[in-house]
Amino acid sequence: MKFVLGLLTGLVLGAVGAVLYSVRTGRDLREAVDQVRSDLDNRDLDALGARLEARFTQMQAQLERSIGQAREKATAAVGQASDAAHSAAEQASGGATEGADRAVDAATDGASKAADAVKKGVDKAVDAASTAVETASGDA
């Protein structure tokens, strides 16, 4: 029973992976496999190397775009947190000094937490992209 469940799970995950590849790259996975197979059968390693180099170049560009987007979001989040801290400090300055100190501390803590969360998100995105590149390198 475990074998059948494992087999079915593998088939489903393989089908989902093939569909995701086709949707994401705009190329049919069967055609890509046929091209690689024909290059290997013909011992045309130059064509295979050129194809792999082109794919890695595309992956690198996608990775750089993803990292750039993550950095933009991180910068925006830090800017919003800084604005919130500044706004909270301005509002608190009209009140008692003790109230202002608490507001600034809270705003600073919030900005720090937001920056940490954004940094973790960027780190996870970079780790995921690195894993994808390593997986693609291993598959090649």
Protein backbone atom coordinates (compact mmCIF):
# COMPACT_ATOMS: atom_id res chain seq x y z
CA MET A 1 0.00 0.00 0.00
CA LYS A 2 2.85 2.38 0.84
CA PHE A 3 4.44 1.68 -2.52
CA VAL A 4 1.25 2.53 -4.39
CA LEU A 5 0.78 5.70 -2.34
CA GLY A 6 4.40 6.71 -2.98
CA LEU A 7 4.04 5.98 -6.68
CA LEU A 8 0.85 8.02 -6.97
CA THR A 9 2.39 10.89 -5.00
CA GLY A 10 5.43 10.87 -7.27
CA LEU A 11 3.31 10.88 -10.40
CA VAL A 12 1.18 13.76 -9.15
CA LEU A 13 4.20 15.81 -8.07
CA GLY A 14 5.91 15.11 -11.40
CA ALA A 15 2.86 16.21 -13.36
CA VAL A 16 2.51 19.37 -11.27
CA GLY A 17 6.21 20.12 -11.74
CA ALA A 18 5.96 19.67 -15.50
CA VAL A 19 2.95 21.98 -15.71
CA LEU A 20 4.65 24.61 -13.53
CA TYR A 21 7.78 24.42 -15.70
CA SER A 22 5.73 24.83 -18.86
CA VAL A 23 3.74 27.75 -17.46
CA ARG A 24 6.73 29.52 -15.96
CA THR A 25 9.11 29.17 -18.89
CA GLY A 26 6.66 29.13 -21.77
CA ARG A 27 8.33 25.97 -23.11
CA ASP A 28 6.91 22.46 -23.17
CA LEU A 29 8.91 20.19 -20.88
CA ARG A 30 8.61 17.29 -23.34
CA GLU A 31 10.26 19.38 -26.06
CA ALA A 32 13.06 20.41 -23.71
CA VAL A 33 13.69 16.77 -22.75
CA ASP A 34 13.63 15.71 -26.41
CA GLN A 35 16.19 18.39 -27.29
CA VAL A 36 18.52 17.34 -24.48
CA ARG A 37 18.09 13.68 -25.37
CA SER A 38 18.87 14.34 -29.05
CA ASP A 39 21.96 16.36 -28.09
CA LEU A 40 23.17 13.50 -25.91
CA ASP A 41 22.37 10.89 -28.57
CA ASN A 42 24.24 12.92 -31.19
CA ARG A 43 27.04 13.60 -28.71
CA ASP A 44 26.61 17.29 -29.48
CA LEU A 45 27.92 18.58 -26.20
CA ASP A 46 28.52 22.06 -27.60
CA ALA A 47 24.80 22.51 -28.34
CA LEU A 48 23.89 21.06 -24.95
CA GLY A 49 26.37 23.38 -23.23
CA ALA A 50 25.02 26.39 -25.12
CA ARG A 51 21.44 25.46 -24.18
CA LEU A 52 22.37 25.02 -20.51
CA GLU A 53 24.29 28.30 -20.53
CA ALA A 54 21.26 30.10 -21.96
CA ARG A 55 19.00 28.60 -19.26
CA PHE A 56 21.42 29.61 -16.51
CA THR A 57 21.56 33.12 -17.93
CA GLN A 58 17.75 33.27 -17.85
CA MET A 59 17.71 31.93 -14.29
CA GLN A 60 20.29 34.49 -13.22
CA ALA A 61 18.22 37.31 -14.70
CA GLN A 62 15.09 36.01 -12.95
CA LEU A 63 17.02 35.69 -9.69
CA GLU A 64 18.37 39.24 -9.98
CA ARG A 65 14.85 40.56 -10.66
CA SER A 66 13.51 38.72 -7.62
CA ILE A 67 16.28 40.02 -5.39
CA GLY A 68 15.74 43.56 -6.72
CA GLN A 69 12.02 43.34 -5.98
CA ALA A 70 12.74 42.04 -2.48
CA ARG A 71 15.16 44.90 -1.87
CA GLU A 72 12.62 47.44 -3.12
CA LYS A 73 10.00 46.03 -0.78
CA ALA A 74 12.48 46.05 2.10
CA THR A 75 13.41 49.66 1.40
CA ALA A 76 9.74 50.64 1.21
CA ALA A 77 8.96 48.83 4.47
CA VAL A 78 11.86 50.50 6.26
CA GLY A 79 10.76 53.88 4.87
CA GLN A 80 7.19 53.32 6.07
CA ALA A 81 8.42 52.24 9.49
CA SER A 82 10.66 55.30 9.67
CA ASP A 83 7.77 57.55 8.67
CA ALA A 84 5.57 55.91 11.28
CA ALA A 85 8.25 56.39 13.92
CA HIS A 86 8.69 60.02 12.93
CA SER A 87 4.94 60.62 12.95
CA ALA A 88 4.56 58.94 16.32
CA ALA A 89 7.41 61.02 17.70
CA GLU A 90 5.83 64.24 16.41
CA GLN A 91 2.46 63.36 17.93
CA ALA A 92 4.03 62.41 21.21
CA SER A 93 6.13 65.59 21.40
CA GLY A 94 2.95 67.62 21.98
CA GLY A 95 2.20 65.55 25.09
CA ALA A 96 4.17 64.81 28.19
CA THR A 97 7.83 63.82 27.90
CA GLU A 98 7.07 60.44 29.36
CA GLY A 99 4.39 59.76 26.74
CA ALA A 100 6.73 60.87 23.97
CA ASP A 101 9.46 58.54 25.19
CA ARG A 102 7.08 55.59 25.19
CA ALA A 103 5.80 56.42 21.69
CA VAL A 104 9.31 56.76 20.27
CA ASP A 105 10.33 53.47 21.88
CA ALA A 106 7.27 51.73 20.47
CA ALA A 107 7.80 53.22 17.01
CA THR A 108 11.48 52.29 17.07
CA ASP A 109 10.64 48.75 18.15
CA GLY A 110 8.03 48.52 15.39
CA ALA A 111 10.48 49.78 12.79
CA SER A 112 13.12 47.37 14.03
CA LYS A 113 10.70 44.44 13.90
CA ALA A 114 9.55 45.43 10.41
CA ALA A 115 13.14 45.71 9.21
CA ASP A 116 13.96 42.31 10.74
CA ALA A 117 10.91 40.73 9.10
CA VAL A 118 11.82 42.21 5.73
CA LYS A 119 15.42 41.06 6.11
CA LYS A 120 14.23 37.53 6.91
CA GLY A 121 11.99 37.62 3.86
CA VAL A 122 14.85 38.75 1.64
CA ASP A 123 17.12 36.07 3.13
CA LYS A 124 14.47 33.41 2.47
CA ALA A 125 14.04 34.63 -1.11
CA VAL A 126 17.80 34.52 -1.67
CA ASP A 127 18.01 31.04 -0.08
CA ALA A 128 15.15 29.78 -2.24
CA ALA A 129 16.74 31.22 -5.36
CA SER A 130 20.11 29.72 -4.45
CA THR A 131 18.47 26.36 -3.88
CA ALA A 132 16.75 26.63 -7.26
CA VAL A 133 20.04 27.41 -8.96
CA GLU A 134 21.78 24.55 -7.14
CA THR A 135 18.95 22.19 -8.06
CA ALA A 136 19.11 23.31 -11.67
CA SER A 137 22.89 22.88 -11.63
CA GLY A 138 22.50 19.39 -10.18
CA ASP A 139 19.85 18.50 -12.76
CA ALA A 140 22.06 19.67 -15.58
